Amino acid sequence: MTRRDLIDLGIPPGEVLGLASFLVRNARERGLEPEEIRTRLQSLLKSPEDHLEDACFGSLAKALRAGGHPG
């Protein structure tokens, strides 16, 4: 998943995009498939507060919530 893919999903540019890119690489290393990652990110973007404890993407959910990104 490229940075452009992440932006197209709705990840805002800047530090949050860098974090998302890093976490996606980690998720792939953990064995998550690209489609599963995409699905989880879409859900996270709709409702960050529901993903604060997510082992792979919890820090992204917290960053989005802290930045006031609409959920």
N, C-alpha and C. Protein backbone atom coordinates (compact mmCIF):
# COMPACT_ATOMS: atom_id res chain seq x y z
N MET A 1 0.85 -1.17 0.00
CA MET A 1 0.00 0.00 0.00
C MET A 1 0.90 1.23 0.00
N THR A 2 0.69 2.09 -0.97
CA THR A 2 1.54 3.27 -1.12
C THR A 2 0.96 4.44 -0.31
N ARG A 3 1.77 5.48 -0.19
CA ARG A 3 1.30 6.68 0.49
C ARG A 3 0.09 7.27 -0.25
N ARG A 4 0.11 7.19 -1.57
CA ARG A 4 -1.03 7.68 -2.37
C ARG A 4 -2.28 6.87 -2.03
N ASP A 5 -2.14 5.56 -1.89
CA ASP A 5 -3.27 4.71 -1.49
C ASP A 5 -3.83 5.16 -0.15
N LEU A 6 -2.95 5.47 0.78
CA LEU A 6 -3.37 5.89 2.12
C LEU A 6 -4.11 7.23 2.06
N ILE A 7 -3.59 8.15 1.26
CA ILE A 7 -4.25 9.45 1.10
C ILE A 7 -5.63 9.24 0.47
N ASP A 8 -5.69 8.37 -0.54
CA ASP A 8 -6.97 8.09 -1.20
C ASP A 8 -8.00 7.49 -0.23
N LEU A 9 -7.51 6.74 0.76
CA LEU A 9 -8.41 6.18 1.77
C LEU A 9 -8.94 7.26 2.72
N GLY A 10 -8.17 8.34 2.85
CA GLY A 10 -8.60 9.41 3.74
C GLY A 10 -7.60 9.75 4.83
N ILE A 11 -6.42 9.14 4.79
CA ILE A 11 -5.38 9.49 5.77
C ILE A 11 -4.86 10.88 5.41
N PRO A 12 -4.86 11.81 6.35
CA PRO A 12 -4.38 13.16 6.03
C PRO A 12 -2.87 13.20 5.84
N PRO A 13 -2.40 14.04 4.94
CA PRO A 13 -0.95 14.17 4.73
C PRO A 13 -0.28 14.73 5.98
N GLY A 14 1.00 14.52 6.06
CA GLY A 14 1.77 15.02 7.20
C GLY A 14 2.25 13.88 8.08
N GLU A 15 2.40 14.18 9.36
CA GLU A 15 2.93 13.19 10.30
C GLU A 15 2.04 11.96 10.40
N VAL A 16 0.73 12.15 10.34
CA VAL A 16 -0.18 11.01 10.44
C VAL A 16 0.01 10.06 9.26
N LEU A 17 0.27 10.60 8.09
CA LEU A 17 0.51 9.77 6.92
C LEU A 17 1.79 8.95 7.10
N GLY A 18 2.82 9.57 7.63
CA GLY A 18 4.06 8.84 7.91
C GLY A 18 3.85 7.72 8.89
N LEU A 19 3.08 7.98 9.94
CA LEU A 19 2.76 6.97 10.92
C LEU A 19 1.98 5.83 10.28
N ALA A 20 0.98 6.17 9.48
CA ALA A 20 0.16 5.15 8.82
C ALA A 20 1.02 4.28 7.92
N SER A 21 1.91 4.88 7.17
CA SER A 21 2.79 4.13 6.27
C SER A 21 3.66 3.15 7.06
N PHE A 22 4.22 3.62 8.16
CA PHE A 22 5.03 2.77 9.03
C PHE A 22 4.22 1.60 9.58
N LEU A 23 3.01 1.89 10.05
CA LEU A 23 2.17 0.85 10.64
C LEU A 23 1.70 -0.16 9.61
N VAL A 24 1.46 0.28 8.39
CA VAL A 24 1.08 -0.65 7.32
C VAL A 24 2.23 -1.61 7.03
N ARG A 25 3.45 -1.08 6.97
CA ARG A 25 4.62 -1.97 6.76
C ARG A 25 4.72 -3.00 7.88
N ASN A 26 4.52 -2.55 9.12
CA ASN A 26 4.57 -3.47 10.26
C ASN A 26 3.47 -4.53 10.17
N ALA A 27 2.28 -4.10 9.77
CA ALA A 27 1.16 -5.04 9.65
C ALA A 27 1.46 -6.09 8.59
N ARG A 28 2.06 -5.67 7.50
CA ARG A 28 2.43 -6.64 6.44
C ARG A 28 3.47 -7.63 6.99
N GLU A 29 4.41 -7.14 7.76
CA GLU A 29 5.42 -8.02 8.35
C GLU A 29 4.80 -9.00 9.33
N ARG A 30 3.69 -8.63 9.94
CA ARG A 30 2.97 -9.51 10.87
C ARG A 30 2.10 -10.52 10.12
N GLY A 31 2.00 -10.36 8.80
CA GLY A 31 1.26 -11.32 8.00
C GLY A 31 -0.12 -10.88 7.55
N LEU A 32 -0.51 -9.63 7.83
CA LEU A 32 -1.81 -9.16 7.37
C LEU A 32 -1.76 -8.95 5.86
N GLU A 33 -2.82 -9.35 5.19
CA GLU A 33 -2.94 -9.19 3.75
C GLU A 33 -3.35 -7.76 3.43
N PRO A 34 -2.97 -7.27 2.25
CA PRO A 34 -3.31 -5.88 1.89
C PRO A 34 -4.81 -5.57 1.98
N GLU A 35 -5.67 -6.48 1.58
CA GLU A 35 -7.11 -6.20 1.63
C GLU A 35 -7.60 -6.11 3.07
N GLU A 36 -7.05 -6.93 3.96
CA GLU A 36 -7.42 -6.84 5.37
C GLU A 36 -6.96 -5.50 5.96
N ILE A 37 -5.76 -5.08 5.60
CA ILE A 37 -5.24 -3.79 6.06
C ILE A 37 -6.15 -2.66 5.58
N ARG A 38 -6.52 -2.69 4.31
CA ARG A 38 -7.40 -1.67 3.74
C ARG A 38 -8.74 -1.62 4.49
N THR A 39 -9.32 -2.78 4.73
CA THR A 39 -10.60 -2.85 5.43
C THR A 39 -10.49 -2.29 6.84
N ARG A 40 -9.43 -2.65 7.53
CA ARG A 40 -9.24 -2.16 8.90
C ARG A 40 -9.03 -0.65 8.93
N LEU A 41 -8.27 -0.13 7.97
CA LEU A 41 -8.04 1.31 7.91
C LEU A 41 -9.33 2.06 7.59
N GLN A 42 -10.13 1.53 6.69
CA GLN A 42 -11.41 2.17 6.36
C GLN A 42 -12.30 2.25 7.60
N SER A 43 -12.34 1.17 8.35
CA SER A 43 -13.13 1.15 9.58
C SER A 43 -12.57 2.14 10.60
N LEU A 44 -11.27 2.17 10.73
CA LEU A 44 -10.61 3.06 11.67
C LEU A 44 -10.90 4.52 11.32
N LEU A 45 -10.87 4.85 10.04
CA LEU A 45 -11.12 6.22 9.62
C LEU A 45 -12.56 6.65 9.91
N LYS A 46 -13.49 5.71 9.82
CA LYS A 46 -14.89 6.02 10.10
C LYS A 46 -15.12 6.24 11.58
N SER A 47 -14.37 5.50 12.40
CA SER A 47 -14.61 5.53 13.84
C SER A 47 -13.31 5.26 14.61
N PRO A 48 -12.41 6.25 14.66
CA PRO A 48 -11.13 6.04 15.34
C PRO A 48 -11.27 5.58 16.79
N GLU A 49 -12.29 6.09 17.49
CA GLU A 49 -12.45 5.76 18.91
C GLU A 49 -12.70 4.27 19.13
N ASP A 50 -13.19 3.57 18.12
CA ASP A 50 -13.42 2.13 18.24
C ASP A 50 -12.16 1.30 18.03
N HIS A 51 -11.06 1.95 17.69
CA HIS A 51 -9.83 1.22 17.34
C HIS A 51 -8.63 1.64 18.20
N LEU A 52 -8.89 2.29 19.30
CA LEU A 52 -7.80 2.81 20.13
C LEU A 52 -6.93 1.70 20.71
N GLU A 53 -7.48 0.51 20.89
CA GLU A 53 -6.73 -0.60 21.47
C GLU A 53 -6.25 -1.60 20.42
N ASP A 54 -6.43 -1.27 19.14
CA ASP A 54 -6.00 -2.15 18.05
C ASP A 54 -4.48 -2.36 18.13
N ALA A 55 -4.06 -3.61 18.12
CA ALA A 55 -2.63 -3.93 18.26
C ALA A 55 -1.79 -3.37 17.11
N CYS A 56 -2.34 -3.32 15.93
CA CYS A 56 -1.58 -2.83 14.77
C CYS A 56 -1.77 -1.33 14.54
N PHE A 57 -2.98 -0.84 14.72
CA PHE A 57 -3.30 0.51 14.29
C PHE A 57 -3.83 1.42 15.40
N GLY A 58 -3.71 1.01 16.65
CA GLY A 58 -4.20 1.82 17.75
C GLY A 58 -3.53 3.18 17.83
N SER A 59 -2.24 3.24 17.58
CA SER A 59 -1.55 4.53 17.64
C SER A 59 -2.02 5.47 16.53
N LEU A 60 -2.41 4.91 15.39
CA LEU A 60 -2.96 5.73 14.32
C LEU A 60 -4.33 6.27 14.73
N ALA A 61 -5.14 5.43 15.33
CA ALA A 61 -6.46 5.87 15.80
C ALA A 61 -6.30 7.00 16.81
N LYS A 62 -5.34 6.88 17.71
CA LYS A 62 -5.12 7.93 18.71
C LYS A 62 -4.64 9.22 18.05
N ALA A 63 -3.77 9.10 17.05
CA ALA A 63 -3.27 10.29 16.36
C ALA A 63 -4.40 10.98 15.59
N LEU A 64 -5.25 10.21 14.95
CA LEU A 64 -6.37 10.80 14.22
C LEU A 64 -7.34 11.48 15.18
N ARG A 65 -7.63 10.84 16.28
CA ARG A 65 -8.55 11.41 17.25
C ARG A 65 -7.96 12.69 17.86
N ALA A 66 -6.68 12.67 18.17
CA ALA A 66 -6.03 13.84 18.77
C ALA A 66 -5.98 15.01 17.80
N GLY A 67 -5.88 14.70 16.52
CA GLY A 67 -5.81 15.75 15.51
C GLY A 67 -7.15 16.30 15.11
N GLY A 68 -8.20 15.77 15.71
CA GLY A 68 -9.53 16.25 15.38
C GLY A 68 -10.03 15.80 14.03
N HIS A 69 -9.42 14.76 13.49
CA HIS A 69 -9.86 14.25 12.19
C HIS A 69 -11.28 13.73 12.32
N PRO A 70 -12.17 14.15 11.46
CA PRO A 70 -13.56 13.67 11.57
C PRO A 70 -13.66 12.18 11.38
N GLY A 71 -14.44 11.54 12.21
CA GLY A 71 -14.55 10.09 12.18
C GLY A 71 -15.72 9.56 11.45
